[in-house]
Each structure stands twice: as C-alpha cells, then as structure tokens.
Amino acid sequence: MLKQGSHDTGEVTLNYIEIGEGDPLVLLHGFTSDWRAWSQEIGLLSHRWRVLVPDARGHGDSSGSEDAAYGYGARTRDAASFIKGVVGGPAVVVGHSMGGATAMGVAALHPELVRAAILEDPHVSGGHIMPTEAVEWMEGTRDMLRTSPSFHEAVQNMNSPNPNKDSAALRLDASQAIKTDPETWNPFIDGAMFDEFDPCTVLSKIECPVLLLQADPDQGGVVTDEAADRIRSGVADCTHVKLDVGHSVHKDASVEFRRSLFDFLDSI
C-alpha cells in the first residue's frame, strides 16, 4: 500500500510516497511531472525494494520556492536532504531528465548517499539544444498556468511537442501541470538551470556504478552522442545503453527500459 509523507528540507517541504520493503530506491521525476510519472514502475520495483518517490520542489504536492530557486543547485540540495532525512542511508537513485541531472549532482557531491545511479536521458549541459518551437511552447504553457486554470481548462489548452502523446497522456500532463509553480519553467526557458551548479563539471567525483540510458537525439532525446561520451569517460564505472526512442524512455519503451534497469540492478 502506498504511504504518503512529507519532508522539510529547510528550504521547501517535499511530498513523497513510499511503498515496499528492502533496500531503498529513490525515483526522481522529470520536469513538469510528479511522483505519478513512475506509476508503471513503482509496483514492479516494490516487490524487492523500498521505493520512495518525492515530488520535486514546485511540483506535485511539494511546496514552491519563495525566491524562485529552481536550478540544479537547489534540486541537488533537496534530493540530498531527502535521502539523509527520510531514507536514512545510501540509496539507489533513478532519475529521468531533470531528475537524472539531479541524481548526478547528488552522486557527485554526496557519494555516501548514493549506492548506484540510473540516469534516464538526463538533462545535461552541452546536450540537446532546445528548438525555438519548444521554447515557445514552454512560454505559452507557463503563461497559461499563471492564470491558475482549472483542470478542464488546462486539458483544453494542453498540447505537447511530443508526437507520441495521446489524449490520455495529455490529460495526465494537464493534471500535473496545474500543480507546478509556473516559475519553475523560467530557468528552462532562460537557459539558467546550470547557473548555480552544473552536474557535468563534477563527473570524476561520482564513485558509484552508473547506468546511462540515452534516448535518440533525432527523436527528441536530450543527451547528444558527445554528451554521452563525456559522461561515459568522466564517470569511472559507467554502463551506457542507447535506445531507439525519444526522451520519455520509461513510458515510450517500457520493456527495454525495464530490461536494462533490472539487469543493472541485479549486478550491484
């Protein structure tokens, strides 16, 4: 059964869900999502792991930042505080996109907290350049959210640059979007996510085993081949798998994602 809890980091209060018993495994979602982004994986993992899934600051039922601090410095601090305060010891950390970059930061700056890291197409500096139309979509969505739309208004106005998303997926997007602080979009739009802290500058400090799951840049993946090579050469123990799918690997290629994930988990 899912249990819900909260954790005060000293800056924000993080909502989280927990299920299962065993060694701890923390799932970090991507931008504009919440813990529900992992709903298809939680049940499978909980048969063997104690699974904990926090909502990132400004997302889901977690509180927002009073000073609009939404870059990777703040997100890394939050994740480290969560593992220290709630998990209570080293955990396997799985992160998608924004969550992947956050996992990299925690593994580098707090190696005692991370037993292994799985990076699903992490949002990294020097990676995929956001197309103009994607920036315009983000600006439009942020401005729509600033009007505090109802769920049905958000559904009617929600669209996505991802052609693989159907109307049910867009409905989930809308339900997650209306819970985000609209100002979380600013550092993505302005290109300021890495201003305070860039996880790629501390790759050599990552001591744990890492699985890098790279999506196809031609299908919307954000990790370029050059960025993947940088991560692979910078991390001492890095396993690299490139998949023929877009950015949302665990949703659009769930079988392949789970196969790589469980093969890696069984090796640590």
Foldseek 3Di string as FASTA:
>chain_A
DKDWDWDDLVFWIKIKIKAADEAEEEEEEAPLAFQCLCVVPRVVVRVHHTYMYIGFAQWDPIHHGPVLPQALVVRLSVVLSCLVPPVVFAHEYEYAACGLQSQLQNLQPPVRRHQEYEYQLYQAPPWADDDPVNLVLLVVLLVVLVVLDDLVVLLVVFDDPQPPDDSVNSSNSSVGNNSGNSSSSVCVSVVNNPVVHGSLVRLLSRAHAYEYEFEDVVNARGGDPVNVVSNVVSHPHYHYDYDDHHRSCCPVPVVVVVVVVVVVVVVD
